[in-house]
C-alpha atoms as a PDB file:
ATOM      1  CA  MET A   1      73.354   6.860  10.276  1.00  0.00           C
ATOM      2  CA  ALA A   2      72.035   3.358  11.123  1.00  0.00           C
ATOM      3  CA  PRO A   3      69.699   1.930   8.907  1.00  0.00           C
ATOM      4  CA  PHE A   4      66.062   1.501  10.358  1.00  0.00           C
ATOM      5  CA  PRO A   5      65.188  -2.267  11.197  1.00  0.00           C
ATOM      6  CA  PRO A   6      62.514  -3.961   9.204  1.00  0.00           C
ATOM      7  CA  GLY A   7      58.994  -2.993  10.745  1.00  0.00           C
ATOM      8  CA  SER A   8      57.481   0.686  10.836  1.00  0.00           C
ATOM      9  CA  LEU A   9      54.605   2.621  12.230  1.00  0.00           C
ATOM     10  CA  THR A  10      51.781   4.803  10.578  1.00  0.00           C
ATOM     11  CA  VAL A  11      48.958   6.142  12.892  1.00  0.00           C
ATOM     12  CA  VAL A  12      46.387   7.531  10.917  1.00  0.00           C
ATOM     13  CA  GLY A  13      43.005   9.291  11.547  1.00  0.00           C
ATOM     14  CA  SER A  14      39.966   8.057   9.527  1.00  0.00           C
ATOM     15  CA  GLY A  15      38.153  11.355  10.261  1.00  0.00           C
ATOM     16  CA  ILE A  16      34.713  11.703  11.913  1.00  0.00           C
ATOM     17  CA  LYS A  17      32.386  10.042   8.837  1.00  0.00           C
ATOM     18  CA  THR A  18      35.016   7.425   8.634  1.00  0.00           C
ATOM     19  CA  GLY A  19      35.898   7.015   4.373  1.00  0.00           C
ATOM     20  CA  LEU A  20      34.231  10.062   3.473  1.00  0.00           C
ATOM     21  CA  GLN A  21      36.944  12.293   5.906  1.00  0.00           C
ATOM     22  CA  THR A  22      39.672   9.896   5.381  1.00  0.00           C
ATOM     23  CA  ILE A  23      42.777  11.714   3.353  1.00  0.00           C
ATOM     24  CA  PRO A  24      43.895   9.383   0.421  1.00  0.00           C
ATOM     25  CA  GLU A  25      47.261   9.125   2.179  1.00  0.00           C
ATOM     26  CA  ALA A  26      45.644   7.635   4.763  1.00  0.00           C
ATOM     27  CA  ILE A  27      43.643   5.139   2.901  1.00  0.00           C
ATOM     28  CA  ARG A  28      47.011   4.065   0.975  1.00  0.00           C
ATOM     29  CA  CYS A  29      48.303   3.159   3.680  1.00  0.00           C
ATOM     30  CA  ILE A  30      45.667   1.207   5.268  1.00  0.00           C
ATOM     31  CA  GLN A  31      45.543  -0.693   2.310  1.00  0.00           C
ATOM     32  CA  ARG A  32      49.289  -1.187   1.902  1.00  0.00           C
ATOM     33  CA  ALA A  33      49.907  -2.343   5.739  1.00  0.00           C
ATOM     34  CA  ASP A  34      51.214  -5.873   6.617  1.00  0.00           C
ATOM     35  CA  LYS A  35      48.919  -5.504   9.862  1.00  0.00           C
ATOM     36  CA  VAL A  36      46.056  -2.894  10.337  1.00  0.00           C
ATOM     37  CA  LEU A  37      44.689  -2.161  14.107  1.00  0.00           C
ATOM     38  CA  TYR A  38      42.027  -0.101  14.546  1.00  0.00           C
ATOM     39  CA  LEU A  39      39.961   1.849  17.692  1.00  0.00           C
ATOM     40  CA  PHE A  40      36.056   3.255  16.496  1.00  0.00           C
ATOM     41  CA  ALA A  41      33.319   3.945  18.555  1.00  0.00           C
ATOM     42  CA  GLU A  42      30.972   1.943  16.213  1.00  0.00           C
ATOM     43  CA  PRO A  43      30.687  -1.253  13.729  1.00  0.00           C
ATOM     44  CA  VAL A  44      30.308   0.507  10.153  1.00  0.00           C
ATOM     45  CA  SER A  45      33.633   1.830  10.678  1.00  0.00           C
ATOM     46  CA  ALA A  46      35.055  -1.370  11.592  1.00  0.00           C
ATOM     47  CA  ARG A  47      33.429  -2.918   8.463  1.00  0.00           C
ATOM     48  CA  TRP A  48      35.419  -0.013   5.938  1.00  0.00           C
ATOM     49  CA  VAL A  49      38.445  -0.870   7.624  1.00  0.00           C
ATOM     50  CA  SER A  50      38.375  -4.486   7.354  1.00  0.00           C
ATOM     51  CA  LYS A  51      37.392  -4.236   3.761  1.00  0.00           C
ATOM     52  CA  LEU A  52      40.459  -2.154   2.748  1.00  0.00           C
ATOM     53  CA  ASN A  53      42.524  -4.505   4.449  1.00  0.00           C
ATOM     54  CA  PRO A  54      41.624  -8.112   5.769  1.00  0.00           C
ATOM     55  CA  SER A  55      44.423  -8.053   8.439  1.00  0.00           C
ATOM     56  CA  ALA A  56      42.754  -5.373  10.427  1.00  0.00           C
ATOM     57  CA  GLN A  57      42.001  -6.195  14.251  1.00  0.00           C
ATOM     58  CA  SER A  58      40.389  -4.009  16.860  1.00  0.00           C
ATOM     59  CA  LEU A  59      42.007  -2.747  19.720  1.00  0.00           C
ATOM     60  CA  GLU A  60      38.765  -2.487  21.786  1.00  0.00           C
ATOM     61  CA  ARG A  61      39.071  -5.278  23.810  1.00  0.00           C
ATOM     62  CA  PHE A  62      41.559  -3.486  26.113  1.00  0.00           C
ATOM     63  CA  TYR A  63      38.939  -1.480  27.316  1.00  0.00           C
ATOM     64  CA  SER A  64      36.917  -2.498  30.772  1.00  0.00           C
ATOM     65  CA  PRO A  65      34.526  -0.563  32.786  1.00  0.00           C
ATOM     66  CA  SER A  66      36.634  -1.605  35.958  1.00  0.00           C
ATOM     67  CA  LYS A  67      40.006  -0.979  34.442  1.00  0.00           C
ATOM     68  CA  ASP A  68      41.996   2.386  34.825  1.00  0.00           C
ATOM     69  CA  ARG A  69      42.300   4.090  31.428  1.00  0.00           C
ATOM     70  CA  THR A  70      46.055   4.583  31.908  1.00  0.00           C
ATOM     71  CA  GLN A  71      46.405   0.408  31.853  1.00  0.00           C
ATOM     72  CA  THR A  72      44.092   0.415  28.865  1.00  0.00           C
ATOM     73  CA  TYR A  73      46.511   2.660  26.930  1.00  0.00           C
ATOM     74  CA  GLN A  74      49.598   0.990  28.078  1.00  0.00           C
ATOM     75  CA  GLU A  75      48.505  -2.486  26.856  1.00  0.00           C
ATOM     76  CA  MET A  76      47.367  -0.873  23.446  1.00  0.00           C
ATOM     77  CA  VAL A  77      50.780   0.568  22.973  1.00  0.00           C
ATOM     78  CA  GLU A  78      52.696  -2.824  24.077  1.00  0.00           C
ATOM     79  CA  GLU A  79      50.239  -4.720  21.291  1.00  0.00           C
ATOM     80  CA  ILE A  80      50.693  -2.263  18.518  1.00  0.00           C
ATOM     81  CA  LEU A  81      54.760  -2.450  18.932  1.00  0.00           C
ATOM     82  CA  SER A  82      54.633  -6.135  19.199  1.00  0.00           C
ATOM     83  CA  TRP A  83      53.520  -6.607  15.682  1.00  0.00           C
ATOM     84  CA  VAL A  84      56.191  -3.633  14.625  1.00  0.00           C
ATOM     85  CA  ARG A  85      58.667  -5.720  16.173  1.00  0.00           C
ATOM     86  CA  ARG A  86      57.868  -8.367  14.054  1.00  0.00           C
ATOM     87  CA  GLY A  87      59.077  -6.756  11.206  1.00  0.00           C
ATOM     88  CA  LEU A  88      55.933  -5.694  10.037  1.00  0.00           C
ATOM     89  CA  ASP A  89      54.314  -2.205   8.514  1.00  0.00           C
ATOM     90  CA  VAL A  90      51.815  -1.482  10.700  1.00  0.00           C
ATOM     91  CA  CYS A  91      49.333   0.780  10.178  1.00  0.00           C
ATOM     92  CA  VAL A  92      46.897   1.913  13.402  1.00  0.00           C
ATOM     93  CA  VAL A  93      43.211   3.440  12.349  1.00  0.00           C
ATOM     94  CA  LEU A  94      41.860   5.610  14.997  1.00  0.00           C
ATOM     95  CA  TYR A  95      38.801   7.755  14.843  1.00  0.00           C
ATOM     96  CA  GLY A  96      38.809  11.484  14.107  1.00  0.00           C
ATOM     97  CA  HIS A  97      42.020  13.090  14.482  1.00  0.00           C
ATOM     98  CA  PRO A  98      44.620  10.328  15.494  1.00  0.00           C
ATOM     99  CA  GLY A  99      46.675  13.147  17.450  1.00  0.00           C
ATOM    100  CA  VAL A 100      43.451  14.534  19.317  1.00  0.00           C
ATOM    101  CA  PHE A 101      42.578  13.073  22.639  1.00  0.00           C
ATOM    102  CA  VAL A 102      44.246   9.602  21.676  1.00  0.00           C
ATOM    103  CA  ALA A 103      46.712   8.514  24.165  1.00  0.00           C
ATOM    104  CA  PRO A 104      48.116   5.311  22.806  1.00  0.00           C
ATOM    105  CA  SER A 105      48.948   7.239  19.377  1.00  0.00           C
ATOM    106  CA  ASP A 106      51.588   9.558  20.331  1.00  0.00           C
ATOM    107  CA  ALA A 107      52.693   6.648  23.002  1.00  0.00           C
ATOM    108  CA  ALA A 108      53.037   4.265  20.351  1.00  0.00           C
ATOM    109  CA  ILE A 109      54.896   6.225  18.082  1.00  0.00           C
ATOM    110  CA  GLN A 110      57.279   7.569  20.618  1.00  0.00           C
ATOM    111  CA  GLN A 111      58.224   4.075  21.523  1.00  0.00           C
ATOM    112  CA  ALA A 112      58.807   2.938  18.035  1.00  0.00           C
ATOM    113  CA  ARG A 113      61.168   5.895  17.228  1.00  0.00           C
ATOM    114  CA  GLU A 114      62.838   4.823  20.800  1.00  0.00           C
ATOM    115  CA  GLU A 115      63.294   1.488  19.607  1.00  0.00           C
ATOM    116  CA  GLY A 116      64.664   2.659  16.416  1.00  0.00           C
ATOM    117  CA  PHE A 117      61.820   1.947  13.949  1.00  0.00           C
ATOM    118  CA  ARG A 118      60.216   4.364  11.314  1.00  0.00           C
ATOM    119  CA  ALA A 119      57.072   6.125  13.136  1.00  0.00           C
ATOM    120  CA  ARG A 120      54.717   8.904  11.943  1.00  0.00           C
ATOM    121  CA  MET A 121      51.403  10.143  11.959  1.00  0.00           C
ATOM    122  CA  LEU A 122      49.076  10.939   9.169  1.00  0.00           C
ATOM    123  CA  PRO A 123      46.068  13.823  10.826  1.00  0.00           C
ATOM    124  CA  GLY A 124      42.512  13.152   9.737  1.00  0.00           C
ATOM    125  CA  VAL A 125      39.283  15.373  10.467  1.00  0.00           C
ATOM    126  CA  SER A 126      38.547  16.122  13.888  1.00  0.00           C
ATOM    127  CA  ALA A 127      35.728  17.083  16.171  1.00  0.00           C
ATOM    128  CA  GLU A 128      37.073  20.222  16.593  1.00  0.00           C
ATOM    129  CA  ASP A 129      36.871  20.656  12.845  1.00  0.00           C
ATOM    130  CA  CYS A 130      33.526  19.848  12.573  1.00  0.00           C
ATOM    131  CA  LEU A 131      32.391  21.594  15.517  1.00  0.00           C
ATOM    132  CA  PHE A 132      33.730  25.126  13.666  1.00  0.00           C
ATOM    133  CA  ALA A 133      32.157  24.192  10.670  1.00  0.00           C
ATOM    134  CA  ASP A 134      28.641  23.157  12.365  1.00  0.00           C
ATOM    135  CA  LEU A 135      28.314  25.707  14.939  1.00  0.00           C
ATOM    136  CA  GLY A 136      30.381  28.515  12.537  1.00  0.00           C
ATOM    137  CA  VAL A 137      33.073  29.087  14.844  1.00  0.00           C
ATOM    138  CA  ASP A 138      36.143  31.129  13.574  1.00  0.00           C
ATOM    139  CA  PRO A 139      38.759  30.761  15.496  1.00  0.00           C
ATOM    140  CA  GLY A 140      40.424  33.510  13.257  1.00  0.00           C
ATOM    141  CA  ALA A 141      37.921  35.894  14.594  1.00  0.00           C
ATOM    142  CA  ARG A 142      37.921  35.687  18.644  1.00  0.00           C
ATOM    143  CA  GLY A 143      40.663  32.904  18.876  1.00  0.00           C
ATOM    144  CA  CYS A 144      39.983  29.935  20.722  1.00  0.00           C
ATOM    145  CA  GLN A 145      40.555  28.189  24.002  1.00  0.00           C
ATOM    146  CA  SER A 146      40.549  24.400  24.356  1.00  0.00           C
ATOM    147  CA  PHE A 147      41.064  21.919  27.120  1.00  0.00           C
ATOM    148  CA  GLU A 148      40.024  18.748  28.263  1.00  0.00           C
ATOM    149  CA  ALA A 149      37.358  19.116  30.833  1.00  0.00           C
ATOM    150  CA  THR A 150      38.888  17.465  33.949  1.00  0.00           C
ATOM    151  CA  ASN A 151      42.034  18.892  33.151  1.00  0.00           C
ATOM    152  CA  PHE A 152      40.456  22.453  33.120  1.00  0.00           C
ATOM    153  CA  LEU A 153      39.609  22.388  36.279  1.00  0.00           C
ATOM    154  CA  LEU A 154      42.467  20.354  38.253  1.00  0.00           C
ATOM    155  CA  TYR A 155      44.891  23.572  37.374  1.00  0.00           C
ATOM    156  CA  ARG A 156      44.762  27.074  38.418  1.00  0.00           C
ATOM    157  CA  ARG A 157      44.626  28.741  35.127  1.00  0.00           C
ATOM    158  CA  SER A 158      43.797  32.102  33.499  1.00  0.00           C
ATOM    159  CA  PHE A 159      41.318  32.302  30.751  1.00  0.00           C
ATOM    160  CA  ASP A 160      39.265  34.771  28.731  1.00  0.00           C
ATOM    161  CA  THR A 161      35.530  34.871  29.042  1.00  0.00           C
ATOM    162  CA  SER A 162      35.891  36.965  25.960  1.00  0.00           C
ATOM    163  CA  THR A 163      37.109  34.302  23.957  1.00  0.00           C
ATOM    164  CA  PRO A 164      35.282  30.887  22.707  1.00  0.00           C
ATOM    165  CA  LEU A 165      35.775  27.871  25.261  1.00  0.00           C
ATOM    166  CA  LEU A 166      35.824  24.726  24.117  1.00  0.00           C
ATOM    167  CA  LEU A 167      35.653  21.623  26.841  1.00  0.00           C
ATOM    168  CA  TRP A 168      35.986  18.302  25.841  1.00  0.00           C
ATOM    169  CA  GLN A 169      34.844  15.092  27.510  1.00  0.00           C
ATOM    170  CA  VAL A 170      32.559  16.875  29.718  1.00  0.00           C
ATOM    171  CA  ALA A 171      30.652  13.936  30.327  1.00  0.00           C
ATOM    172  CA  GLY A 172      33.819  12.262  32.359  1.00  0.00           C
ATOM    173  CA  VAL A 173      34.537  14.898  34.253  1.00  0.00           C
ATOM    174  CA  GLY A 174      36.308  13.331  37.125  1.00  0.00           C
ATOM    175  CA  VAL A 175      36.265   9.939  35.721  1.00  0.00           C
ATOM    176  CA  ARG A 176      39.180   7.784  35.596  1.00  0.00           C
ATOM    177  CA  GLN A 177      37.447   4.473  33.972  1.00  0.00           C
ATOM    178  CA  GLY A 178      35.713   4.418  30.519  1.00  0.00           C
ATOM    179  CA  VAL A 179      32.558   6.687  30.366  1.00  0.00           C
ATOM    180  CA  THR A 180      29.403   4.932  29.899  1.00  0.00           C
ATOM    181  CA  GLN A 181      27.195   7.205  31.282  1.00  0.00           C
ATOM    182  CA  PRO A 182      27.561  10.898  32.160  1.00  0.00           C
ATOM    183  CA  SER A 183      28.929  12.033  35.681  1.00  0.00           C
ATOM    184  CA  THR A 184      26.247  14.172  37.321  1.00  0.00           C
ATOM    185  CA  ALA A 185      28.806  15.045  40.134  1.00  0.00           C
ATOM    186  CA  GLY A 186      31.349  16.025  37.541  1.00  0.00           C
ATOM    187  CA  LEU A 187      28.898  18.184  35.556  1.00  0.00           C
ATOM    188  CA  GLN A 188      27.745  19.818  38.715  1.00  0.00           C
ATOM    189  CA  VAL A 189      31.573  20.789  39.874  1.00  0.00           C
ATOM    190  CA  LEU A 190      32.213  22.166  36.005  1.00  0.00           C
ATOM    191  CA  ALA A 191      28.712  24.011  36.236  1.00  0.00           C
ATOM    192  CA  GLU A 192      29.245  25.597  39.456  1.00  0.00           C
ATOM    193  CA  PHE A 193      32.888  26.720  38.030  1.00  0.00           C
ATOM    194  CA  LEU A 194      31.724  28.161  35.281  1.00  0.00           C
ATOM    195  CA  HIS A 195      28.762  29.792  37.120  1.00  0.00           C
ATOM    196  CA  ASP A 196      31.436  32.097  38.853  1.00  0.00           C
ATOM    197  CA  HIS A 197      32.964  33.166  35.512  1.00  0.00           C
ATOM    198  CA  TYR A 198      29.979  33.473  33.075  1.00  0.00           C
ATOM    199  CA  GLY A 199      26.904  33.739  35.393  1.00  0.00           C
ATOM    200  CA  PRO A 200      24.132  30.843  35.664  1.00  0.00           C
ATOM    201  CA  ASP A 201      22.023  32.133  32.931  1.00  0.00           C
ATOM    202  CA  HIS A 202      24.966  31.917  30.439  1.00  0.00           C
ATOM    203  CA  GLU A 203      23.829  29.651  27.223  1.00  0.00           C
ATOM    204  CA  VAL A 204      26.339  27.291  26.212  1.00  0.00           C
ATOM    205  CA  VAL A 205      26.043  24.537  23.727  1.00  0.00           C
ATOM    206  CA  LEU A 206      26.503  20.708  24.003  1.00  0.00           C
ATOM    207  CA  TYR A 207      27.732  19.461  20.829  1.00  0.00           C
ATOM    208  CA  GLN A 208      28.688  16.105  19.002  1.00  0.00           C
ATOM    209  CA  ALA A 209      29.799  15.440  15.714  1.00  0.00           C
ATOM    210  CA  SER A 210      27.374  12.917  13.528  1.00  0.00           C
ATOM    211  CA  PRO A 211      30.114  10.019  12.310  1.00  0.00           C
ATOM    212  CA  TYR A 212      27.189   9.677   9.362  1.00  0.00           C
ATOM    213  CA  PRO A 213      26.191  11.654   6.498  1.00  0.00           C
ATOM    214  CA  VAL A 214      22.574  11.178   6.666  1.00  0.00           C
ATOM    215  CA  PHE A 215      21.981  12.125  10.475  1.00  0.00           C
ATOM    216  CA  ASP A 216      22.544  16.081  11.718  1.00  0.00           C
ATOM    217  CA  PRO A 217      25.150  16.946  14.404  1.00  0.00           C
ATOM    218  CA  ILE A 218      23.669  16.736  17.900  1.00  0.00           C
ATOM    219  CA  VAL A 219      23.269  20.563  18.768  1.00  0.00           C
ATOM    220  CA  GLN A 220      21.622  21.208  22.080  1.00  0.00           C
ATOM    221  CA  THR A 221      21.301  24.890  23.947  1.00  0.00           C
ATOM    222  CA  VAL A 222      21.286  25.048  27.564  1.00  0.00           C
ATOM    223  CA  ARG A 223      21.764  27.497  30.286  1.00  0.00           C
ATOM    224  CA  LEU A 224      25.130  27.107  32.918  1.00  0.00           C
ATOM    225  CA  SER A 225      22.305  26.386  35.535  1.00  0.00           C
ATOM    226  CA  ASP A 226      20.806  23.342  33.580  1.00  0.00           C
ATOM    227  CA  LEU A 227      23.957  21.469  32.808  1.00  0.00           C
ATOM    228  CA  PRO A 228      24.304  18.928  35.478  1.00  0.00           C
ATOM    229  CA  THR A 229      20.616  17.653  34.613  1.00  0.00           C
ATOM    230  CA  ALA A 230      21.044  18.141  30.702  1.00  0.00           C
ATOM    231  CA  ASP A 231      20.697  15.408  28.277  1.00  0.00           C
ATOM    232  CA  LEU A 232      24.138  14.713  27.029  1.00  0.00           C
ATOM    233  CA  THR A 233      25.858  11.699  25.197  1.00  0.00           C
ATOM    234  CA  PRO A 234      29.634  10.479  26.696  1.00  0.00           C
ATOM    235  CA  MET A 235      31.160  11.951  23.703  1.00  0.00           C
ATOM    236  CA  CYS A 236      29.635  15.750  23.839  1.00  0.00           C
ATOM    237  CA  THR A 237      31.799  18.647  24.076  1.00  0.00           C
ATOM    238  CA  LEU A 238      31.047  21.786  25.447  1.00  0.00           C
ATOM    239  CA  TYR A 239      30.920  25.160  23.648  1.00  0.00           C
ATOM    240  CA  VAL A 240      30.884  28.392  25.565  1.00  0.00           C
ATOM    241  CA  PRO A 241      30.148  31.596  23.500  1.00  0.00           C
ATOM    242  CA  PRO A 242      32.289  34.619  24.983  1.00  0.00           C
ATOM    243  CA  LYS A 243      30.635  36.481  27.646  1.00  0.00           C
ATOM    244  CA  ALA A 244      31.907  39.903  26.239  1.00  0.00           C
ATOM    245  CA  HIS A 245      33.904  41.788  23.785  1.00  0.00           C
ATOM    246  CA  PRO A 246      37.909  41.593  24.866  1.00  0.00           C
ATOM    247  CA  PRO A 247      38.449  44.725  26.203  1.00  0.00           C
ATOM    248  CA  PRO A 248      40.733  47.034  23.324  1.00  0.00           C
ATOM    249  CA  ASN A 249      44.469  47.849  23.988  1.00  0.00           C
ATOM    250  CA  PRO A 250      44.604  51.663  22.934  1.00  0.00           C
ATOM    251  CA  GLU A 251      48.019  51.625  23.072  1.00  0.00           C
ATOM    252  CA  MET A 252      48.675  49.018  20.647  1.00  0.00           C
ATOM    253  CA  TYR A 253      45.889  50.488  18.208  1.00  0.00           C
ATOM    254  CA  ALA A 254      47.957  53.724  18.249  1.00  0.00           C
ATOM    255  CA  ARG A 255      51.338  51.938  17.240  1.00  0.00           C
ATOM    256  CA  LEU A 256      49.797  49.796  14.942  1.00  0.00           C
ATOM    257  CA  GLU A 257      47.836  52.587  12.993  1.00  0.00           C
ATOM    258  CA  VAL A 258      44.712  50.634  13.357  1.00  0.00           C
ATOM    259  CA  PRO A 259      41.308  52.785  13.602  1.00  0.00           C
ATOM    260  CA  ALA A 260      39.795  51.940  16.858  1.00  0.00           C
ATOM    261  CA  PRO A 261      36.639  49.555  16.867  1.00  0.00           C
ATOM    262  CA  ASP A 262      33.098  50.638  17.083  1.00  0.00           C
ATOM    263  CA  PRO A 263      31.297  49.003  19.811  1.00  0.00           C
ATOM    264  CA  THR A 264      29.212  46.154  18.686  1.00  0.00           C
ATOM    265  CA  PRO A 265      26.982  43.382  20.326  1.00  0.00           C
ATOM    266  CA  LEU A 266      27.989  39.845  20.118  1.00  0.00           C
ATOM    267  CA  PRO A 267      26.952  37.621  17.416  1.00  0.00           C
END
């Protein structure tokens, strides 16, 4: 087996509450790296990572409202790899979990490995983890369906209205550039699609985890019919509670010798 060339890439997550939800292994990687690159939505996290490692540099400059996100991500990957190719141990710090809705992270790791460099990812607390805690959603109780909102609409797929549904990036439905304001047109399309499956009066939750320990998360309950005009932030997630209990399978209850359930209302 050929030895690895000089240079390596470690992609880590800061968690939603940067520093407080960052795992110790990730912090050590940030401190020991020759070069740190980061991408955060707010300045407090940037100051935090710069204190851990003075070499820290933001990737935010690659964003532009008029630029296609695919081009932005490609430019970020090339910037990351340019430092690895110099023989440096590079640490990229990303908000939340670095492998969840962060296209440049997987692409950079794949490219680094294809070029023969060591590359790995360390996890972080994600927005989904915070949602489960803040809304009291247990995926072990009823399961969980999770989709990026635009992708959810673009493909014909079967989904279960008796299972909790998470739709990410709902403010940017149909938007290819950076999202600065929610897309009312996209929300209208999403709301109409969900009307057909849940009904216009079905209540859903707009959620955003709080990045600061002194602030509560955003939790706003609205009817589906009111979704297009709801006041939401660019980073909101839509939680759609189940419409009904899933129908039991009598054959499987018998085969597994499990007592049949009593019909109970949804919590």
